[in-house]
Amino acid sequence: MIRRSILSDDVHESLKTLILEHRLAPEDRLNIDALARELQVSPTPVREALARLESEGLVRKRPLAGYTVSPLLTRDEFNDMFDMRIILECSAARWAAERASAEARAAVTAEAGVPFPAHEIGQDGRRSHALFTALDARFHDLVAAGAGNPLLRDAITRLHAHLHLHRLYFSYTENHTTLVEHRRIANAVADRDPTAAAAAMLDHLTAARDRHLRAFD
């Protein structure tokens, strides 16, 4: 049972990487047997991984059609997604400042201190994009965890999945700016200042939306 769990996790991470790097492109139909052959596993862990990816918003399941990779958002949908992020994540930051344990505050502070990778070109650029996205998602997840509301945390995770699908189209030359914004949020959480934490998150998400919307132009 332990080995099966590890295998399922490995398959999940492999498929997630293929999707986020667009080697399985948005709206591609996913053939379970073909993926099992490619990953050299049985169909069972592939089905389990796809179910997890569906819960994360990265794939969709349609009656009689099976699984497909989730489509990219339109510009209007992208704006709607950020509107939801602002509503949810400003509350998460406020509640983290009010409710988070000392351990949770320390985790947010430590994560905000992890430097982002330098912007690179080519295959290394893809890897740096992937690492940037993973670090960014982890910071926001730690803030959400500190808020002490599992349903809120889950909703934020699902919204981030849509952002991840777009990541190859975004420029990360301003990753230092993102790091500064994260540290401001972390400082407010550490200081137990809910008003400052919510304001810092609002400023960060507003600026991030402006940076990302350039990709639609």
N, C-alpha and C. Protein backbone atom coordinates (compact mmCIF):
# COMPACT_ATOMS: atom_id res chain seq x y z
N MET A 1 0.83 -1.20 0.00
CA MET A 1 0.00 0.00 0.00
C MET A 1 0.87 1.26 0.00
N ILE A 2 1.97 1.23 0.78
CA ILE A 2 2.86 2.39 0.80
C ILE A 2 3.47 2.61 -0.57
N ARG A 3 3.92 1.51 -1.21
CA ARG A 3 4.54 1.64 -2.52
C ARG A 3 3.54 2.19 -3.54
N ARG A 4 2.28 1.72 -3.47
CA ARG A 4 1.26 2.21 -4.39
C ARG A 4 1.04 3.71 -4.20
N SER A 5 1.03 4.17 -2.95
CA SER A 5 0.85 5.58 -2.68
C SER A 5 2.00 6.40 -3.26
N ILE A 6 3.22 5.90 -3.10
CA ILE A 6 4.38 6.60 -3.65
C ILE A 6 4.31 6.64 -5.17
N LEU A 7 3.92 5.52 -5.80
CA LEU A 7 3.81 5.47 -7.25
C LEU A 7 2.76 6.45 -7.74
N SER A 8 1.63 6.51 -7.06
CA SER A 8 0.58 7.45 -7.45
C SER A 8 1.07 8.89 -7.36
N ASP A 9 1.81 9.20 -6.31
CA ASP A 9 2.38 10.54 -6.16
C ASP A 9 3.35 10.85 -7.30
N ASP A 10 4.18 9.87 -7.66
CA ASP A 10 5.16 10.08 -8.73
C ASP A 10 4.46 10.35 -10.06
N VAL A 11 3.42 9.56 -10.34
CA VAL A 11 2.67 9.73 -11.59
C VAL A 11 1.98 11.09 -11.60
N HIS A 12 1.40 11.47 -10.47
CA HIS A 12 0.75 12.77 -10.36
C HIS A 12 1.73 13.89 -10.67
N GLU A 13 2.92 13.85 -10.08
CA GLU A 13 3.91 14.90 -10.32
C GLU A 13 4.39 14.91 -11.76
N SER A 14 4.56 13.72 -12.35
CA SER A 14 4.99 13.63 -13.75
C SER A 14 3.96 14.25 -14.68
N LEU A 15 2.69 13.90 -14.49
CA LEU A 15 1.64 14.46 -15.34
C LEU A 15 1.48 15.96 -15.12
N LYS A 16 1.60 16.39 -13.87
CA LYS A 16 1.48 17.82 -13.57
C LYS A 16 2.58 18.60 -14.29
N THR A 17 3.80 18.06 -14.29
CA THR A 17 4.90 18.72 -14.98
C THR A 17 4.63 18.80 -16.48
N LEU A 18 4.15 17.70 -17.08
CA LEU A 18 3.83 17.69 -18.51
C LEU A 18 2.79 18.74 -18.85
N ILE A 19 1.80 18.92 -17.97
CA ILE A 19 0.74 19.90 -18.21
C ILE A 19 1.27 21.32 -18.06
N LEU A 20 2.02 21.57 -16.99
CA LEU A 20 2.48 22.93 -16.72
C LEU A 20 3.53 23.39 -17.73
N GLU A 21 4.25 22.45 -18.33
CA GLU A 21 5.21 22.79 -19.37
C GLU A 21 4.59 22.73 -20.76
N HIS A 22 3.28 22.48 -20.82
CA HIS A 22 2.50 22.43 -22.05
C HIS A 22 2.97 21.34 -23.00
N ARG A 23 3.66 20.33 -22.49
CA ARG A 23 3.92 19.14 -23.31
C ARG A 23 2.63 18.35 -23.45
N LEU A 24 1.74 18.50 -22.50
CA LEU A 24 0.33 18.17 -22.66
C LEU A 24 -0.37 19.52 -22.69
N ALA A 25 -0.77 19.94 -23.87
CA ALA A 25 -1.22 21.33 -24.07
C ALA A 25 -2.64 21.54 -23.60
N PRO A 26 -2.99 22.80 -23.29
CA PRO A 26 -4.37 23.11 -22.91
C PRO A 26 -5.36 22.56 -23.93
N GLU A 27 -6.40 21.89 -23.43
CA GLU A 27 -7.49 21.28 -24.19
C GLU A 27 -7.11 19.97 -24.88
N ASP A 28 -5.86 19.50 -24.71
CA ASP A 28 -5.50 18.18 -25.24
C ASP A 28 -6.34 17.10 -24.56
N ARG A 29 -6.76 16.12 -25.36
CA ARG A 29 -7.46 14.97 -24.79
C ARG A 29 -6.42 14.01 -24.21
N LEU A 30 -6.70 13.44 -23.05
CA LEU A 30 -5.74 12.59 -22.35
C LEU A 30 -6.17 11.13 -22.44
N ASN A 31 -5.32 10.32 -23.05
CA ASN A 31 -5.58 8.89 -23.20
C ASN A 31 -4.89 8.15 -22.06
N ILE A 32 -5.67 7.54 -21.19
CA ILE A 32 -5.11 6.90 -19.99
C ILE A 32 -4.14 5.79 -20.35
N ASP A 33 -4.49 4.94 -21.30
CA ASP A 33 -3.61 3.83 -21.68
C ASP A 33 -2.31 4.33 -22.28
N ALA A 34 -2.39 5.37 -23.12
CA ALA A 34 -1.18 5.92 -23.73
C ALA A 34 -0.27 6.55 -22.68
N LEU A 35 -0.86 7.27 -21.73
CA LEU A 35 -0.06 7.87 -20.66
C LEU A 35 0.58 6.79 -19.80
N ALA A 36 -0.16 5.71 -19.55
CA ALA A 36 0.40 4.61 -18.76
C ALA A 36 1.60 4.00 -19.46
N ARG A 37 1.50 3.82 -20.78
CA ARG A 37 2.64 3.27 -21.53
C ARG A 37 3.83 4.22 -21.49
N GLU A 38 3.55 5.52 -21.66
CA GLU A 38 4.64 6.51 -21.66
C GLU A 38 5.36 6.55 -20.32
N LEU A 39 4.59 6.45 -19.23
CA LEU A 39 5.17 6.52 -17.89
C LEU A 39 5.59 5.15 -17.35
N GLN A 40 5.31 4.11 -18.15
CA GLN A 40 5.68 2.73 -17.79
C GLN A 40 5.07 2.30 -16.45
N VAL A 41 3.77 2.55 -16.35
CA VAL A 41 3.00 2.13 -15.18
C VAL A 41 1.69 1.52 -15.66
N SER A 42 0.92 0.96 -14.74
CA SER A 42 -0.40 0.46 -15.09
C SER A 42 -1.38 1.63 -15.18
N PRO A 43 -2.55 1.43 -15.78
CA PRO A 43 -3.53 2.53 -15.87
C PRO A 43 -4.05 3.02 -14.52
N THR A 44 -4.02 2.17 -13.49
CA THR A 44 -4.61 2.56 -12.20
C THR A 44 -3.99 3.82 -11.59
N PRO A 45 -2.65 3.92 -11.44
CA PRO A 45 -2.10 5.17 -10.87
C PRO A 45 -2.32 6.37 -11.78
N VAL A 46 -2.46 6.16 -13.09
CA VAL A 46 -2.76 7.27 -13.99
C VAL A 46 -4.16 7.80 -13.71
N ARG A 47 -5.13 6.87 -13.54
CA ARG A 47 -6.49 7.30 -13.21
C ARG A 47 -6.51 8.06 -11.88
N GLU A 48 -5.78 7.55 -10.90
CA GLU A 48 -5.75 8.21 -9.59
C GLU A 48 -5.13 9.60 -9.71
N ALA A 49 -4.06 9.71 -10.50
CA ALA A 49 -3.40 11.00 -10.68
C ALA A 49 -4.32 11.99 -11.39
N LEU A 50 -5.04 11.53 -12.40
CA LEU A 50 -5.94 12.42 -13.14
C LEU A 50 -7.08 12.90 -12.25
N ALA A 51 -7.56 12.03 -11.36
CA ALA A 51 -8.61 12.46 -10.43
C ALA A 51 -8.08 13.57 -9.52
N ARG A 52 -6.84 13.45 -9.08
CA ARG A 52 -6.24 14.50 -8.24
C ARG A 52 -6.06 15.78 -9.05
N LEU A 53 -5.61 15.65 -10.28
CA LEU A 53 -5.40 16.83 -11.11
C LEU A 53 -6.72 17.52 -11.44
N GLU A 54 -7.80 16.73 -11.54
CA GLU A 54 -9.12 17.34 -11.74
C GLU A 54 -9.51 18.16 -10.52
N SER A 55 -9.25 17.64 -9.33
CA SER A 55 -9.58 18.37 -8.11
C SER A 55 -8.76 19.64 -7.98
N GLU A 56 -7.58 19.67 -8.61
CA GLU A 56 -6.70 20.84 -8.58
C GLU A 56 -7.01 21.82 -9.71
N GLY A 57 -7.93 21.44 -10.61
CA GLY A 57 -8.32 22.34 -11.69
C GLY A 57 -7.45 22.28 -12.92
N LEU A 58 -6.51 21.34 -12.98
CA LEU A 58 -5.60 21.27 -14.12
C LEU A 58 -6.12 20.41 -15.26
N VAL A 59 -7.05 19.51 -14.99
CA VAL A 59 -7.70 18.73 -16.04
C VAL A 59 -9.20 18.75 -15.80
N ARG A 60 -9.95 18.41 -16.85
CA ARG A 60 -11.40 18.34 -16.75
C ARG A 60 -11.87 16.97 -17.22
N LYS A 61 -12.96 16.50 -16.66
CA LYS A 61 -13.55 15.24 -17.08
C LYS A 61 -14.93 15.50 -17.64
N ARG A 62 -15.16 14.99 -18.85
CA ARG A 62 -16.44 15.17 -19.51
C ARG A 62 -17.09 13.81 -19.76
N PRO A 63 -18.40 13.71 -19.59
CA PRO A 63 -19.09 12.44 -19.86
C PRO A 63 -18.82 11.95 -21.28
N LEU A 64 -18.45 10.71 -21.41
CA LEU A 64 -18.19 10.02 -22.68
C LEU A 64 -16.94 10.52 -23.40
N ALA A 65 -16.32 11.60 -22.90
CA ALA A 65 -15.14 12.16 -23.57
C ALA A 65 -13.86 11.93 -22.77
N GLY A 66 -13.99 11.59 -21.49
CA GLY A 66 -12.81 11.38 -20.66
C GLY A 66 -12.18 12.68 -20.23
N TYR A 67 -10.87 12.61 -19.96
CA TYR A 67 -10.15 13.76 -19.43
C TYR A 67 -9.52 14.60 -20.54
N THR A 68 -9.53 15.91 -20.34
CA THR A 68 -8.78 16.84 -21.19
C THR A 68 -8.03 17.82 -20.29
N VAL A 69 -6.95 18.38 -20.79
CA VAL A 69 -6.25 19.43 -20.06
C VAL A 69 -7.12 20.67 -20.03
N SER A 70 -7.18 21.33 -18.89
CA SER A 70 -8.01 22.53 -18.77
C SER A 70 -7.55 23.60 -19.77
N PRO A 71 -8.50 24.34 -20.33
CA PRO A 71 -8.14 25.39 -21.30
C PRO A 71 -7.54 26.61 -20.62
N LEU A 72 -6.82 27.41 -21.39
CA LEU A 72 -6.35 28.69 -20.90
C LEU A 72 -7.53 29.63 -20.72
N LEU A 73 -7.39 30.56 -19.80
CA LEU A 73 -8.44 31.55 -19.57
C LEU A 73 -8.37 32.64 -20.63
N THR A 74 -9.53 33.23 -20.95
CA THR A 74 -9.54 34.45 -21.75
C THR A 74 -9.09 35.62 -20.87
N ARG A 75 -8.90 36.76 -21.49
CA ARG A 75 -8.50 37.93 -20.70
C ARG A 75 -9.56 38.27 -19.64
N ASP A 76 -10.84 38.23 -20.03
CA ASP A 76 -11.91 38.54 -19.07
C ASP A 76 -11.94 37.51 -17.94
N GLU A 77 -11.79 36.23 -18.30
CA GLU A 77 -11.77 35.19 -17.27
C GLU A 77 -10.58 35.34 -16.34
N PHE A 78 -9.44 35.76 -16.92
CA PHE A 78 -8.24 35.98 -16.11
C PHE A 78 -8.47 37.10 -15.11
N ASN A 79 -9.12 38.16 -15.56
CA ASN A 79 -9.46 39.26 -14.64
C ASN A 79 -10.41 38.78 -13.56
N ASP A 80 -11.39 37.97 -13.94
CA ASP A 80 -12.33 37.42 -12.95
C ASP A 80 -11.59 36.58 -11.91
N MET A 81 -10.63 35.80 -12.38
CA MET A 81 -9.85 34.95 -11.47
C MET A 81 -9.09 35.81 -10.46
N PHE A 82 -8.50 36.91 -10.92
CA PHE A 82 -7.78 37.78 -9.99
C PHE A 82 -8.73 38.51 -9.05
N ASP A 83 -9.93 38.83 -9.52
CA ASP A 83 -10.91 39.40 -8.61
C ASP A 83 -11.19 38.44 -7.45
N MET A 84 -11.34 37.16 -7.79
CA MET A 84 -11.58 36.16 -6.75
C MET A 84 -10.36 36.00 -5.84
N ARG A 85 -9.17 36.02 -6.42
CA ARG A 85 -7.95 35.93 -5.61
C ARG A 85 -7.89 37.08 -4.60
N ILE A 86 -8.23 38.27 -5.05
CA ILE A 86 -8.19 39.43 -4.15
C ILE A 86 -9.16 39.24 -2.99
N ILE A 87 -10.37 38.79 -3.29
CA ILE A 87 -11.36 38.58 -2.22
C ILE A 87 -10.86 37.54 -1.22
N LEU A 88 -10.38 36.40 -1.75
CA LEU A 88 -10.00 35.28 -0.87
C LEU A 88 -8.67 35.51 -0.19
N GLU A 89 -7.67 35.97 -0.92
CA GLU A 89 -6.32 36.02 -0.36
C GLU A 89 -6.09 37.22 0.55
N CYS A 90 -6.82 38.30 0.35
CA CYS A 90 -6.72 39.40 1.31
C CYS A 90 -7.30 38.96 2.65
N SER A 91 -8.41 38.20 2.59
CA SER A 91 -8.97 37.65 3.84
C SER A 91 -8.00 36.66 4.46
N ALA A 92 -7.36 35.82 3.63
CA ALA A 92 -6.40 34.85 4.16
C ALA A 92 -5.25 35.55 4.87
N ALA A 93 -4.74 36.63 4.27
CA ALA A 93 -3.63 37.36 4.89
C ALA A 93 -4.08 38.00 6.21
N ARG A 94 -5.26 38.56 6.21
CA ARG A 94 -5.80 39.18 7.43
C ARG A 94 -5.92 38.15 8.54
N TRP A 95 -6.51 36.99 8.20
CA TRP A 95 -6.72 35.95 9.22
C TRP A 95 -5.42 35.31 9.65
N ALA A 96 -4.47 35.20 8.73
CA ALA A 96 -3.16 34.65 9.12
C ALA A 96 -2.50 35.55 10.15
N ALA A 97 -2.61 36.87 9.95
CA ALA A 97 -2.03 37.81 10.92
C ALA A 97 -2.73 37.71 12.27
N GLU A 98 -4.02 37.37 12.26
CA GLU A 98 -4.78 37.28 13.51
C GLU A 98 -4.63 35.91 14.19
N ARG A 99 -4.58 34.84 13.38
CA ARG A 99 -4.78 33.50 13.93
C ARG A 99 -3.56 32.58 13.88
N ALA A 100 -2.62 32.85 13.00
CA ALA A 100 -1.55 31.89 12.75
C ALA A 100 -0.71 31.63 14.01
N SER A 101 -0.30 30.39 14.15
CA SER A 101 0.60 30.03 15.25
C SER A 101 1.99 30.61 15.01
N ALA A 102 2.81 30.60 16.05
CA ALA A 102 4.18 31.08 15.89
C ALA A 102 4.92 30.28 14.83
N GLU A 103 4.66 28.98 14.78
CA GLU A 103 5.31 28.13 13.78
C GLU A 103 4.87 28.50 12.37
N ALA A 104 3.57 28.76 12.19
CA ALA A 104 3.06 29.13 10.88
C ALA A 104 3.61 30.48 10.43
N ARG A 105 3.71 31.43 11.37
CA ARG A 105 4.28 32.75 11.03
C ARG A 105 5.74 32.61 10.61
N ALA A 106 6.46 31.76 11.33
CA ALA A 106 7.87 31.55 10.99
C ALA A 106 8.02 30.94 9.61
N ALA A 107 7.10 30.03 9.25
CA ALA A 107 7.16 29.40 7.93
C ALA A 107 6.91 30.42 6.83
N VAL A 108 5.96 31.32 7.03
CA VAL A 108 5.68 32.37 6.04
C VAL A 108 6.90 33.29 5.89
N THR A 109 7.48 33.67 7.01
CA THR A 109 8.66 34.54 6.98
C THR A 109 9.82 33.87 6.27
N ALA A 110 10.05 32.60 6.59
CA ALA A 110 11.16 31.87 5.97
C ALA A 110 10.96 31.74 4.47
N GLU A 111 9.74 31.45 4.05
CA GLU A 111 9.45 31.29 2.62
C GLU A 111 9.65 32.59 1.88
N ALA A 112 9.27 33.70 2.50
CA ALA A 112 9.44 35.01 1.86
C ALA A 112 10.91 35.36 1.68
N GLY A 113 11.79 34.69 2.43
CA GLY A 113 13.23 34.96 2.32
C GLY A 113 13.94 34.11 1.29
N VAL A 114 13.24 33.13 0.70
CA VAL A 114 13.87 32.27 -0.30
C VAL A 114 13.99 33.03 -1.61
N PRO A 115 15.20 33.19 -2.15
CA PRO A 115 15.36 33.98 -3.38
C PRO A 115 14.77 33.26 -4.58
N PHE A 116 14.17 34.01 -5.49
CA PHE A 116 13.66 33.44 -6.72
C PHE A 116 14.81 33.21 -7.70
N PRO A 117 14.65 32.27 -8.64
CA PRO A 117 15.71 32.02 -9.63
C PRO A 117 15.86 33.20 -10.57
N ALA A 118 17.08 33.39 -11.07
CA ALA A 118 17.32 34.44 -12.06
C ALA A 118 16.62 34.09 -13.36
N HIS A 119 16.19 35.10 -14.08
CA HIS A 119 15.52 34.87 -15.37
C HIS A 119 16.54 34.34 -16.37
N GLU A 120 16.17 33.24 -17.06
CA GLU A 120 17.04 32.65 -18.06
C GLU A 120 16.26 32.41 -19.33
N ILE A 121 16.97 32.02 -20.39
CA ILE A 121 16.38 31.83 -21.70
C ILE A 121 16.52 30.36 -22.09
N GLY A 122 15.60 29.85 -22.92
CA GLY A 122 15.70 28.48 -23.39
C GLY A 122 15.18 27.50 -22.37
N GLN A 123 15.71 26.24 -22.44
CA GLN A 123 15.24 25.20 -21.54
C GLN A 123 15.49 25.58 -20.09
N ASP A 124 16.62 26.23 -19.81
CA ASP A 124 16.87 26.70 -18.45
C ASP A 124 15.82 27.71 -18.02
N GLY A 125 15.33 28.48 -19.00
CA GLY A 125 14.27 29.43 -18.70
C GLY A 125 13.00 28.74 -18.27
N ARG A 126 12.70 27.61 -18.92
CA ARG A 126 11.52 26.84 -18.51
C ARG A 126 11.67 26.34 -17.09
N ARG A 127 12.88 25.89 -16.76
CA ARG A 127 13.10 25.39 -15.41
C ARG A 127 12.99 26.52 -14.39
N SER A 128 13.52 27.69 -14.74
CA SER A 128 13.44 28.81 -13.80
C SER A 128 12.00 29.28 -13.65
N HIS A 129 11.22 29.24 -14.75
CA HIS A 129 9.79 29.56 -14.66
C HIS A 129 9.09 28.59 -13.71
N ALA A 130 9.42 27.30 -13.86
CA ALA A 130 8.78 26.28 -13.03
C ALA A 130 9.12 26.49 -11.56
N LEU A 131 10.38 26.79 -11.27
CA LEU A 131 10.78 27.00 -9.88
C LEU A 131 10.15 28.26 -9.32
N PHE A 132 10.12 29.33 -10.11
CA PHE A 132 9.48 30.57 -9.67
C PHE A 132 8.02 30.31 -9.30
N THR A 133 7.31 29.60 -10.18
CA THR A 133 5.90 29.33 -9.94
C THR A 133 5.70 28.49 -8.69
N ALA A 134 6.56 27.49 -8.51
CA ALA A 134 6.45 26.63 -7.32
C ALA A 134 6.68 27.43 -6.04
N LEU A 135 7.69 28.30 -6.04
CA LEU A 135 7.98 29.09 -4.85
C LEU A 135 6.86 30.09 -4.57
N ASP A 136 6.35 30.71 -5.64
CA ASP A 136 5.25 31.67 -5.48
C ASP A 136 4.02 30.98 -4.91
N ALA A 137 3.68 29.81 -5.46
CA ALA A 137 2.51 29.07 -4.99
C ALA A 137 2.69 28.64 -3.54
N ARG A 138 3.90 28.23 -3.18
CA ARG A 138 4.14 27.78 -1.80
C ARG A 138 3.97 28.93 -0.82
N PHE A 139 4.43 30.11 -1.17
CA PHE A 139 4.26 31.25 -0.27
C PHE A 139 2.78 31.53 -0.04
N HIS A 140 2.01 31.60 -1.11
CA HIS A 140 0.59 31.90 -0.97
C HIS A 140 -0.13 30.79 -0.21
N ASP A 141 0.30 29.55 -0.41
CA ASP A 141 -0.31 28.44 0.31
C ASP A 141 -0.02 28.52 1.81
N LEU A 142 1.19 28.93 2.18
CA LEU A 142 1.53 29.04 3.59
C LEU A 142 0.73 30.15 4.27
N VAL A 143 0.50 31.25 3.56
CA VAL A 143 -0.35 32.31 4.11
C VAL A 143 -1.76 31.77 4.31
N ALA A 144 -2.28 31.06 3.29
CA ALA A 144 -3.63 30.50 3.39
C ALA A 144 -3.72 29.48 4.52
N ALA A 145 -2.67 28.67 4.69
CA ALA A 145 -2.67 27.69 5.78
C ALA A 145 -2.71 28.39 7.13
N GLY A 146 -2.00 29.50 7.24
CA GLY A 146 -1.98 30.25 8.49
C GLY A 146 -3.32 30.85 8.85
N ALA A 147 -4.20 31.02 7.85
CA ALA A 147 -5.52 31.59 8.12
C ALA A 147 -6.41 30.63 8.89
N GLY A 148 -6.06 29.34 8.85
CA GLY A 148 -6.80 28.38 9.65
C GLY A 148 -8.17 28.01 9.12
N ASN A 149 -8.36 28.14 7.80
CA ASN A 149 -9.64 27.79 7.19
C ASN A 149 -9.36 26.87 6.00
N PRO A 150 -9.52 25.55 6.16
CA PRO A 150 -9.19 24.61 5.08
C PRO A 150 -9.96 24.84 3.79
N LEU A 151 -11.23 25.24 3.88
CA LEU A 151 -12.02 25.49 2.66
C LEU A 151 -11.47 26.69 1.90
N LEU A 152 -11.06 27.72 2.62
CA LEU A 152 -10.47 28.89 1.98
C LEU A 152 -9.16 28.49 1.30
N ARG A 153 -8.36 27.72 2.00
CA ARG A 153 -7.08 27.28 1.44
C ARG A 153 -7.28 26.48 0.16
N ASP A 154 -8.26 25.58 0.15
CA ASP A 154 -8.53 24.77 -1.02
C ASP A 154 -8.99 25.64 -2.19
N ALA A 155 -9.83 26.62 -1.94
CA ALA A 155 -10.30 27.50 -3.00
C ALA A 155 -9.15 28.29 -3.62
N ILE A 156 -8.22 28.75 -2.79
CA ILE A 156 -7.06 29.49 -3.29
C ILE A 156 -6.18 28.59 -4.14
N THR A 157 -5.99 27.34 -3.71
CA THR A 157 -5.19 26.40 -4.47
C THR A 157 -5.78 26.18 -5.86
N ARG A 158 -7.09 26.02 -5.95
CA ARG A 158 -7.74 25.80 -7.24
C ARG A 158 -7.59 27.01 -8.16
N LEU A 159 -7.66 28.21 -7.61
CA LEU A 159 -7.47 29.40 -8.43
C LEU A 159 -6.03 29.48 -8.97
N HIS A 160 -5.08 29.08 -8.14
CA HIS A 160 -3.69 29.12 -8.56
C HIS A 160 -3.43 28.18 -9.73
N ALA A 161 -4.20 27.10 -9.83
CA ALA A 161 -4.01 26.15 -10.92
C ALA A 161 -4.19 26.84 -12.27
N HIS A 162 -5.17 27.72 -12.38
CA HIS A 162 -5.38 28.44 -13.63
C HIS A 162 -4.20 29.36 -13.94
N LEU A 163 -3.65 29.97 -12.91
CA LEU A 163 -2.49 30.83 -13.10
C LEU A 163 -1.31 30.01 -13.61
N HIS A 164 -1.11 28.80 -13.04
CA HIS A 164 0.00 27.96 -13.45
C HIS A 164 -0.06 27.60 -14.93
N LEU A 165 -1.27 27.38 -15.45
CA LEU A 165 -1.40 27.00 -16.85
C LEU A 165 -0.92 28.10 -17.79
N HIS A 166 -0.95 29.34 -17.32
CA HIS A 166 -0.54 30.48 -18.15
C HIS A 166 0.94 30.83 -17.99
N ARG A 167 1.64 30.18 -17.07
CA ARG A 167 2.92 30.70 -16.63
C ARG A 167 3.96 30.84 -17.74
N LEU A 168 3.92 29.97 -18.77
CA LEU A 168 4.93 30.04 -19.83
C LEU A 168 4.79 31.31 -20.67
N TYR A 169 3.65 31.99 -20.54
CA TYR A 169 3.43 33.21 -21.31
C TYR A 169 3.82 34.47 -20.54
N PHE A 170 4.14 34.32 -19.27
CA PHE A 170 4.46 35.47 -18.44
C PHE A 170 5.96 35.74 -18.42
N SER A 171 6.31 36.99 -18.34
CA SER A 171 7.71 37.36 -18.14
C SER A 171 7.99 37.42 -16.64
N TYR A 172 9.12 36.80 -16.24
CA TYR A 172 9.49 36.81 -14.82
C TYR A 172 10.74 37.66 -14.59
N THR A 173 10.92 38.66 -15.46
CA THR A 173 12.07 39.54 -15.27
C THR A 173 11.88 40.43 -14.04
N GLU A 174 10.66 40.51 -13.52
CA GLU A 174 10.39 41.35 -12.35
C GLU A 174 10.23 40.52 -11.09
N ASN A 175 10.93 39.37 -11.05
CA ASN A 175 10.71 38.50 -9.89
C ASN A 175 11.23 39.12 -8.60
N HIS A 176 12.19 40.05 -8.69
CA HIS A 176 12.65 40.74 -7.47
C HIS A 176 11.51 41.55 -6.87
N THR A 177 10.69 42.18 -7.72
CA THR A 177 9.55 42.95 -7.24
C THR A 177 8.57 42.05 -6.49
N THR A 178 8.33 40.86 -7.04
CA THR A 178 7.44 39.91 -6.38
C THR A 178 7.98 39.53 -5.01
N LEU A 179 9.29 39.32 -4.93
CA LEU A 179 9.91 38.94 -3.66
C LEU A 179 9.74 40.04 -2.62
N VAL A 180 9.92 41.29 -3.02
CA VAL A 180 9.73 42.42 -2.11
C VAL A 180 8.29 42.47 -1.61
N GLU A 181 7.34 42.22 -2.51
CA GLU A 181 5.92 42.24 -2.13
C GLU A 181 5.61 41.11 -1.15
N HIS A 182 6.19 39.93 -1.39
CA HIS A 182 5.97 38.81 -0.47
C HIS A 182 6.52 39.14 0.92
N ARG A 183 7.68 39.75 0.97
CA ARG A 183 8.29 40.07 2.27
C ARG A 183 7.46 41.08 3.04
N ARG A 184 6.81 41.99 2.33
CA ARG A 184 5.95 42.96 3.01
C ARG A 184 4.75 42.24 3.64
N ILE A 185 4.18 41.30 2.92
CA ILE A 185 3.07 40.51 3.46
C ILE A 185 3.55 39.72 4.68
N ALA A 186 4.68 39.05 4.53
CA ALA A 186 5.22 38.22 5.62
C ALA A 186 5.50 39.05 6.86
N ASN A 187 6.03 40.24 6.68
CA ASN A 187 6.34 41.10 7.82
C ASN A 187 5.06 41.48 8.57
N ALA A 188 4.00 41.76 7.82
CA ALA A 188 2.74 42.13 8.47
C ALA A 188 2.14 40.94 9.22
N VAL A 189 2.24 39.75 8.64
CA VAL A 189 1.76 38.54 9.33
C VAL A 189 2.57 38.32 10.60
N ALA A 190 3.89 38.44 10.49
CA ALA A 190 4.76 38.24 11.65
C ALA A 190 4.48 39.26 12.75
N ASP A 191 4.12 40.49 12.35
CA ASP A 191 3.82 41.55 13.32
C ASP A 191 2.40 41.48 13.88
N ARG A 192 1.63 40.49 13.43
CA ARG A 192 0.24 40.33 13.86
C ARG A 192 -0.58 41.58 13.55
N ASP A 193 -0.38 42.12 12.35
CA ASP A 193 -1.07 43.34 11.93
C ASP A 193 -2.02 42.98 10.79
N PRO A 194 -3.27 42.61 11.07
CA PRO A 194 -4.18 42.15 10.02
C PRO A 194 -4.48 43.20 8.95
N THR A 195 -4.59 44.47 9.36
CA THR A 195 -4.88 45.52 8.38
C THR A 195 -3.74 45.67 7.40
N ALA A 196 -2.51 45.68 7.91
CA ALA A 196 -1.33 45.81 7.04
C ALA A 196 -1.17 44.57 6.16
N ALA A 197 -1.48 43.39 6.71
CA ALA A 197 -1.34 42.16 5.92
C ALA A 197 -2.31 42.15 4.75
N ALA A 198 -3.57 42.52 5.00
CA ALA A 198 -4.56 42.57 3.93
C ALA A 198 -4.19 43.62 2.89
N ALA A 199 -3.70 44.77 3.34
CA ALA A 199 -3.32 45.83 2.40
C ALA A 199 -2.12 45.41 1.56
N ALA A 200 -1.15 44.73 2.18
CA ALA A 200 0.02 44.27 1.45
C ALA A 200 -0.36 43.22 0.41
N MET A 201 -1.29 42.33 0.76
CA MET A 201 -1.74 41.32 -0.19
C MET A 201 -2.50 41.98 -1.34
N LEU A 202 -3.33 42.96 -1.05
CA LEU A 202 -4.06 43.68 -2.10
C LEU A 202 -3.10 44.35 -3.06
N ASP A 203 -2.10 45.04 -2.54
CA ASP A 203 -1.11 45.71 -3.39
C ASP A 203 -0.37 44.69 -4.26
N HIS A 204 -0.02 43.54 -3.66
CA HIS A 204 0.72 42.51 -4.40
C HIS A 204 -0.12 41.93 -5.53
N LEU A 205 -1.36 41.57 -5.25
CA LEU A 205 -2.19 40.95 -6.28
C LEU A 205 -2.58 41.94 -7.37
N THR A 206 -2.79 43.19 -6.99
CA THR A 206 -3.10 44.22 -7.99
C THR A 206 -1.91 44.41 -8.94
N ALA A 207 -0.71 44.49 -8.37
CA ALA A 207 0.49 44.65 -9.20
C ALA A 207 0.75 43.40 -10.04
N ALA A 208 0.52 42.22 -9.46
CA ALA A 208 0.74 40.97 -10.20
C ALA A 208 -0.22 40.87 -11.37
N ARG A 209 -1.46 41.26 -11.17
CA ARG A 209 -2.42 41.24 -12.28
C ARG A 209 -1.94 42.15 -13.41
N ASP A 210 -1.50 43.34 -13.08
CA ASP A 210 -1.02 44.27 -14.11
C ASP A 210 0.17 43.68 -14.86
N ARG A 211 1.08 43.01 -14.13
CA ARG A 211 2.25 42.41 -14.78
C ARG A 211 1.83 41.29 -15.72
N HIS A 212 0.89 40.45 -15.27
CA HIS A 212 0.51 39.29 -16.05
C HIS A 212 -0.37 39.65 -17.25
N LEU A 213 -1.17 40.69 -17.14
CA LEU A 213 -2.06 41.05 -18.23
C LEU A 213 -1.30 41.47 -19.48
N ARG A 214 -0.06 41.84 -19.33
CA ARG A 214 0.74 42.19 -20.53
C ARG A 214 0.83 41.02 -21.50
N ALA A 215 0.77 39.81 -20.97
CA ALA A 215 0.88 38.62 -21.84
C ALA A 215 -0.30 38.54 -22.81
N PHE A 216 -1.45 39.12 -22.44
CA PHE A 216 -2.62 39.07 -23.32
C PHE A 216 -2.53 40.12 -24.41
N ASP A 217 -1.60 41.06 -24.28
CA ASP A 217 -1.44 42.10 -25.30
C ASP A 217 -0.52 41.64 -26.42
